[in-house]
Amino acid sequence: MTEILMDTVQSFNEYLPRVATGSLEIAVKLRSDQIANALKMILEFSEGMSWLVEASELFKANEVKVSIQIEKIQGFFQEINTGLEMQDYVLVADMFEYEIAPFFEEATLIEIQSN
């Protein structure tokens, strides 16, 4: 396994558990009317998800098994955007708390096989 691939696996494994925690923080901020802070965190979440998608593509190209369903992440994006367009912050908060956080809590870390 190349060094860049191993570094990406390590970063992936470190980032994954933080997504669930961050999702819950977003929900709290939305519910406590800290909309500007929540929107900033949602932007950061979106950037992180883009990185996860890129990393997953790198893993797939190098035959590294990843259990995350990219399609599900893309579905989250669509639902978040719909909720934000309607300014339905309760809906968006519920998504982060009841759908996104559990999804990432259950996500499996990548095991690196040593030769």
N, C-alpha and C. Protein backbone atom coordinates (compact mmCIF):
# COMPACT_ATOMS: atom_id res chain seq x y z
N MET A 1 0.86 -1.18 0.00
CA MET A 1 0.00 0.00 0.00
C MET A 1 0.90 1.24 0.00
N THR A 2 0.59 2.19 -0.87
CA THR A 2 1.40 3.39 -0.97
C THR A 2 1.23 4.25 0.28
N GLU A 3 2.21 5.12 0.48
CA GLU A 3 2.17 5.99 1.66
C GLU A 3 0.97 6.94 1.63
N ILE A 4 0.67 7.49 0.46
CA ILE A 4 -0.47 8.41 0.37
C ILE A 4 -1.78 7.67 0.67
N LEU A 5 -1.87 6.45 0.21
CA LEU A 5 -3.07 5.65 0.47
C LEU A 5 -3.18 5.34 1.96
N MET A 6 -2.08 4.97 2.59
CA MET A 6 -2.09 4.68 4.03
C MET A 6 -2.43 5.94 4.83
N ASP A 7 -1.89 7.08 4.42
CA ASP A 7 -2.21 8.34 5.10
C ASP A 7 -3.69 8.68 4.96
N THR A 8 -4.24 8.42 3.78
CA THR A 8 -5.66 8.70 3.54
C THR A 8 -6.53 7.78 4.38
N VAL A 9 -6.16 6.51 4.48
CA VAL A 9 -6.90 5.57 5.33
C VAL A 9 -6.88 6.05 6.78
N GLN A 10 -5.71 6.47 7.24
CA GLN A 10 -5.58 6.96 8.62
C GLN A 10 -6.46 8.20 8.83
N SER A 11 -6.40 9.14 7.91
CA SER A 11 -7.22 10.35 8.02
C SER A 11 -8.71 10.01 7.99
N PHE A 12 -9.09 9.09 7.11
CA PHE A 12 -10.47 8.63 6.99
C PHE A 12 -10.95 8.07 8.33
N ASN A 13 -10.14 7.19 8.91
CA ASN A 13 -10.50 6.56 10.19
C ASN A 13 -10.57 7.57 11.33
N GLU A 14 -9.75 8.60 11.30
CA GLU A 14 -9.79 9.63 12.34
C GLU A 14 -10.99 10.55 12.15
N TYR A 15 -11.37 10.80 10.91
CA TYR A 15 -12.46 11.74 10.62
C TYR A 15 -13.84 11.13 10.86
N LEU A 16 -14.00 9.89 10.50
CA LEU A 16 -15.31 9.24 10.54
C LEU A 16 -16.03 9.39 11.88
N PRO A 17 -15.40 9.09 13.02
CA PRO A 17 -16.13 9.23 14.29
C PRO A 17 -16.50 10.67 14.62
N ARG A 18 -15.74 11.62 14.11
CA ARG A 18 -16.03 13.04 14.39
C ARG A 18 -17.26 13.54 13.64
N VAL A 19 -17.63 12.85 12.56
CA VAL A 19 -18.79 13.29 11.78
C VAL A 19 -20.07 13.17 12.62
N ALA A 20 -20.22 12.07 13.33
CA ALA A 20 -21.43 11.88 14.15
C ALA A 20 -21.52 12.96 15.23
N THR A 21 -20.42 13.24 15.89
CA THR A 21 -20.39 14.27 16.93
C THR A 21 -20.72 15.63 16.34
N GLY A 22 -20.12 15.96 15.20
CA GLY A 22 -20.39 17.23 14.54
C GLY A 22 -21.83 17.35 14.10
N SER A 23 -22.41 16.24 13.66
CA SER A 23 -23.81 16.24 13.23
C SER A 23 -24.73 16.60 14.40
N LEU A 24 -24.44 16.05 15.56
CA LEU A 24 -25.24 16.37 16.75
C LEU A 24 -25.08 17.83 17.15
N GLU A 25 -23.86 18.36 17.00
CA GLU A 25 -23.62 19.78 17.31
C GLU A 25 -24.42 20.68 16.37
N ILE A 26 -24.49 20.30 15.11
CA ILE A 26 -25.27 21.08 14.14
C ILE A 26 -26.74 21.08 14.56
N ALA A 27 -27.26 19.93 14.93
CA ALA A 27 -28.66 19.83 15.35
C ALA A 27 -28.92 20.73 16.56
N VAL A 28 -28.02 20.72 17.52
CA VAL A 28 -28.19 21.56 18.72
C VAL A 28 -28.19 23.03 18.34
N LYS A 29 -27.27 23.43 17.49
CA LYS A 29 -27.20 24.84 17.08
C LYS A 29 -28.45 25.27 16.32
N LEU A 30 -28.96 24.42 15.45
CA LEU A 30 -30.18 24.75 14.72
C LEU A 30 -31.36 24.90 15.67
N ARG A 31 -31.43 24.02 16.65
CA ARG A 31 -32.57 24.06 17.58
C ARG A 31 -32.47 25.21 18.58
N SER A 32 -31.26 25.70 18.82
CA SER A 32 -31.10 26.80 19.77
C SER A 32 -30.98 28.15 19.05
N ASP A 33 -31.42 28.16 17.79
CA ASP A 33 -31.50 29.38 16.99
C ASP A 33 -30.14 30.03 16.74
N GLN A 34 -29.10 29.22 16.69
CA GLN A 34 -27.76 29.69 16.31
C GLN A 34 -27.55 29.34 14.84
N ILE A 35 -28.41 29.90 14.01
CA ILE A 35 -28.48 29.52 12.60
C ILE A 35 -27.18 29.80 11.85
N ALA A 36 -26.60 30.98 12.06
CA ALA A 36 -25.36 31.33 11.34
C ALA A 36 -24.25 30.33 11.67
N ASN A 37 -24.10 29.98 12.95
CA ASN A 37 -23.08 28.99 13.33
C ASN A 37 -23.39 27.63 12.74
N ALA A 38 -24.66 27.26 12.76
CA ALA A 38 -25.06 25.97 12.21
C ALA A 38 -24.79 25.91 10.71
N LEU A 39 -25.11 26.99 10.00
CA LEU A 39 -24.88 27.01 8.56
C LEU A 39 -23.40 26.91 8.23
N LYS A 40 -22.57 27.53 9.03
CA LYS A 40 -21.11 27.42 8.83
C LYS A 40 -20.67 25.97 9.03
N MET A 41 -21.22 25.33 10.06
CA MET A 41 -20.88 23.92 10.31
C MET A 41 -21.40 23.01 9.20
N ILE A 42 -22.57 23.35 8.65
CA ILE A 42 -23.11 22.56 7.54
C ILE A 42 -22.22 22.68 6.32
N LEU A 43 -21.68 23.88 6.07
CA LEU A 43 -20.73 24.05 4.98
C LEU A 43 -19.50 23.18 5.20
N GLU A 44 -18.97 23.18 6.42
CA GLU A 44 -17.81 22.35 6.75
C GLU A 44 -18.16 20.87 6.60
N PHE A 45 -19.38 20.50 7.01
CA PHE A 45 -19.85 19.13 6.84
C PHE A 45 -19.84 18.75 5.36
N SER A 46 -20.35 19.65 4.51
CA SER A 46 -20.40 19.40 3.07
C SER A 46 -19.01 19.19 2.50
N GLU A 47 -18.06 20.02 2.92
CA GLU A 47 -16.68 19.88 2.46
C GLU A 47 -16.10 18.54 2.92
N GLY A 48 -16.40 18.17 4.15
CA GLY A 48 -15.93 16.89 4.67
C GLY A 48 -16.52 15.71 3.91
N MET A 49 -17.79 15.81 3.56
CA MET A 49 -18.43 14.74 2.80
C MET A 49 -17.83 14.62 1.41
N SER A 50 -17.50 15.76 0.81
CA SER A 50 -16.85 15.74 -0.51
C SER A 50 -15.51 15.00 -0.41
N TRP A 51 -14.78 15.27 0.67
CA TRP A 51 -13.50 14.58 0.87
C TRP A 51 -13.72 13.09 1.07
N LEU A 52 -14.75 12.71 1.85
CA LEU A 52 -15.03 11.29 2.06
C LEU A 52 -15.34 10.58 0.74
N VAL A 53 -16.09 11.26 -0.12
CA VAL A 53 -16.42 10.68 -1.43
C VAL A 53 -15.14 10.49 -2.25
N GLU A 54 -14.28 11.51 -2.27
CA GLU A 54 -13.01 11.40 -3.01
C GLU A 54 -12.14 10.28 -2.45
N ALA A 55 -12.06 10.22 -1.12
CA ALA A 55 -11.26 9.17 -0.48
C ALA A 55 -11.82 7.80 -0.82
N SER A 56 -13.13 7.66 -0.80
CA SER A 56 -13.76 6.37 -1.13
C SER A 56 -13.45 5.95 -2.56
N GLU A 57 -13.41 6.92 -3.47
CA GLU A 57 -13.07 6.61 -4.86
C GLU A 57 -11.61 6.15 -4.96
N LEU A 58 -10.72 6.80 -4.21
CA LEU A 58 -9.32 6.39 -4.17
C LEU A 58 -9.20 4.96 -3.64
N PHE A 59 -9.95 4.67 -2.58
CA PHE A 59 -9.91 3.33 -1.99
C PHE A 59 -10.41 2.29 -2.99
N LYS A 60 -11.52 2.60 -3.63
CA LYS A 60 -12.09 1.66 -4.61
C LYS A 60 -11.10 1.38 -5.74
N ALA A 61 -10.44 2.43 -6.23
CA ALA A 61 -9.46 2.28 -7.31
C ALA A 61 -8.27 1.43 -6.88
N ASN A 62 -8.00 1.39 -5.57
CA ASN A 62 -6.87 0.63 -5.05
C ASN A 62 -7.31 -0.63 -4.31
N GLU A 63 -8.56 -1.02 -4.54
CA GLU A 63 -9.12 -2.24 -3.97
C GLU A 63 -9.06 -2.29 -2.45
N VAL A 64 -9.30 -1.13 -1.83
CA VAL A 64 -9.41 -1.05 -0.37
C VAL A 64 -10.91 -1.04 -0.06
N LYS A 65 -11.33 -1.97 0.77
CA LYS A 65 -12.77 -2.13 1.04
C LYS A 65 -13.26 -1.04 1.99
N VAL A 66 -14.35 -0.36 1.56
CA VAL A 66 -14.99 0.69 2.35
C VAL A 66 -16.46 0.33 2.48
N SER A 67 -16.99 0.47 3.69
CA SER A 67 -18.38 0.07 3.92
C SER A 67 -19.37 1.22 3.81
N ILE A 68 -18.88 2.44 3.62
CA ILE A 68 -19.78 3.60 3.56
C ILE A 68 -20.53 3.61 2.23
N GLN A 69 -21.82 3.85 2.31
CA GLN A 69 -22.65 3.93 1.11
C GLN A 69 -22.66 5.38 0.63
N ILE A 70 -21.92 5.65 -0.42
CA ILE A 70 -21.81 7.00 -0.97
C ILE A 70 -23.18 7.52 -1.41
N GLU A 71 -24.01 6.64 -1.95
CA GLU A 71 -25.34 7.05 -2.40
C GLU A 71 -26.15 7.64 -1.24
N LYS A 72 -25.99 7.06 -0.06
CA LYS A 72 -26.71 7.53 1.12
C LYS A 72 -26.26 8.95 1.48
N ILE A 73 -24.96 9.21 1.40
CA ILE A 73 -24.43 10.55 1.68
C ILE A 73 -25.02 11.55 0.68
N GLN A 74 -25.08 11.16 -0.58
CA GLN A 74 -25.65 12.05 -1.59
C GLN A 74 -27.13 12.32 -1.31
N GLY A 75 -27.84 11.34 -0.81
CA GLY A 75 -29.23 11.52 -0.42
C GLY A 75 -29.37 12.51 0.73
N PHE A 76 -28.43 12.43 1.68
CA PHE A 76 -28.43 13.38 2.80
C PHE A 76 -28.29 14.81 2.27
N PHE A 77 -27.38 14.99 1.31
CA PHE A 77 -27.17 16.32 0.72
C PHE A 77 -28.47 16.86 0.13
N GLN A 78 -29.16 16.03 -0.60
CA GLN A 78 -30.41 16.48 -1.23
C GLN A 78 -31.44 16.88 -0.19
N GLU A 79 -31.58 16.07 0.86
CA GLU A 79 -32.56 16.39 1.90
C GLU A 79 -32.17 17.65 2.68
N ILE A 80 -30.88 17.80 2.96
CA ILE A 80 -30.40 19.00 3.67
C ILE A 80 -30.70 20.24 2.83
N ASN A 81 -30.36 20.17 1.55
CA ASN A 81 -30.60 21.32 0.67
C ASN A 81 -32.08 21.68 0.60
N THR A 82 -32.93 20.68 0.50
CA THR A 82 -34.37 20.92 0.46
C THR A 82 -34.82 21.61 1.74
N GLY A 83 -34.39 21.09 2.88
CA GLY A 83 -34.76 21.69 4.16
C GLY A 83 -34.26 23.11 4.31
N LEU A 84 -33.03 23.36 3.86
CA LEU A 84 -32.47 24.72 3.96
C LEU A 84 -33.20 25.68 3.03
N GLU A 85 -33.53 25.22 1.84
CA GLU A 85 -34.27 26.08 0.89
C GLU A 85 -35.62 26.51 1.48
N MET A 86 -36.24 25.61 2.23
CA MET A 86 -37.54 25.91 2.85
C MET A 86 -37.37 26.62 4.20
N GLN A 87 -36.11 26.78 4.61
CA GLN A 87 -35.77 27.33 5.93
C GLN A 87 -36.45 26.53 7.04
N ASP A 88 -36.55 25.23 6.83
CA ASP A 88 -37.13 24.32 7.82
C ASP A 88 -35.97 23.75 8.65
N TYR A 89 -35.53 24.54 9.62
CA TYR A 89 -34.37 24.16 10.41
C TYR A 89 -34.66 23.01 11.36
N VAL A 90 -35.91 22.81 11.72
CA VAL A 90 -36.28 21.66 12.55
C VAL A 90 -36.08 20.37 11.75
N LEU A 91 -36.52 20.38 10.50
CA LEU A 91 -36.32 19.22 9.62
C LEU A 91 -34.83 18.91 9.46
N VAL A 92 -34.04 19.95 9.20
CA VAL A 92 -32.60 19.76 9.00
C VAL A 92 -31.95 19.25 10.30
N ALA A 93 -32.33 19.82 11.44
CA ALA A 93 -31.80 19.37 12.73
C ALA A 93 -32.16 17.91 12.96
N ASP A 94 -33.41 17.53 12.67
CA ASP A 94 -33.83 16.13 12.83
C ASP A 94 -33.01 15.21 11.94
N MET A 95 -32.72 15.65 10.72
CA MET A 95 -31.90 14.83 9.82
C MET A 95 -30.52 14.59 10.40
N PHE A 96 -29.90 15.66 10.89
CA PHE A 96 -28.56 15.51 11.45
C PHE A 96 -28.56 14.62 12.69
N GLU A 97 -29.59 14.77 13.52
CA GLU A 97 -29.63 13.98 14.76
C GLU A 97 -30.07 12.53 14.55
N TYR A 98 -31.12 12.33 13.75
CA TYR A 98 -31.74 11.00 13.68
C TYR A 98 -31.36 10.17 12.47
N GLU A 99 -30.74 10.79 11.46
CA GLU A 99 -30.34 10.04 10.27
C GLU A 99 -28.82 10.06 10.07
N ILE A 100 -28.26 11.26 10.04
CA ILE A 100 -26.84 11.39 9.69
C ILE A 100 -25.94 10.90 10.82
N ALA A 101 -26.17 11.37 12.05
CA ALA A 101 -25.32 10.94 13.18
C ALA A 101 -25.34 9.42 13.33
N PRO A 102 -26.52 8.76 13.37
CA PRO A 102 -26.50 7.30 13.49
C PRO A 102 -25.80 6.60 12.32
N PHE A 103 -25.97 7.15 11.10
CA PHE A 103 -25.31 6.57 9.94
C PHE A 103 -23.80 6.53 10.15
N PHE A 104 -23.24 7.62 10.65
CA PHE A 104 -21.79 7.66 10.84
C PHE A 104 -21.33 6.97 12.12
N GLU A 105 -22.22 6.87 13.10
CA GLU A 105 -21.88 6.08 14.30
C GLU A 105 -21.71 4.61 13.94
N GLU A 106 -22.48 4.15 12.97
CA GLU A 106 -22.44 2.75 12.55
C GLU A 106 -21.41 2.48 11.47
N ALA A 107 -20.81 3.54 10.90
CA ALA A 107 -19.83 3.36 9.83
C ALA A 107 -18.62 2.60 10.35
N THR A 108 -18.11 1.73 9.52
CA THR A 108 -16.99 0.88 9.89
C THR A 108 -15.67 1.52 9.45
N LEU A 109 -14.71 1.48 10.35
CA LEU A 109 -13.38 1.97 10.02
C LEU A 109 -12.71 0.99 9.07
N ILE A 110 -11.74 1.50 8.34
CA ILE A 110 -10.99 0.66 7.39
C ILE A 110 -9.83 0.01 8.13
N GLU A 111 -9.71 -1.29 7.95
CA GLU A 111 -8.59 -2.00 8.55
C GLU A 111 -7.48 -2.10 7.52
N ILE A 112 -6.27 -1.74 7.95
CA ILE A 112 -5.11 -1.81 7.07
C ILE A 112 -4.47 -3.18 7.23
N GLN A 113 -4.34 -3.86 6.11
CA GLN A 113 -3.72 -5.18 6.12
C GLN A 113 -2.21 -5.02 6.00
N SER A 114 -1.48 -5.55 6.95
CA SER A 114 -0.02 -5.47 6.87
C SER A 114 0.52 -6.73 6.21
N ASN A 115 1.58 -6.52 5.44
CA ASN A 115 2.16 -7.66 4.70
C ASN A 115 3.20 -8.36 5.53
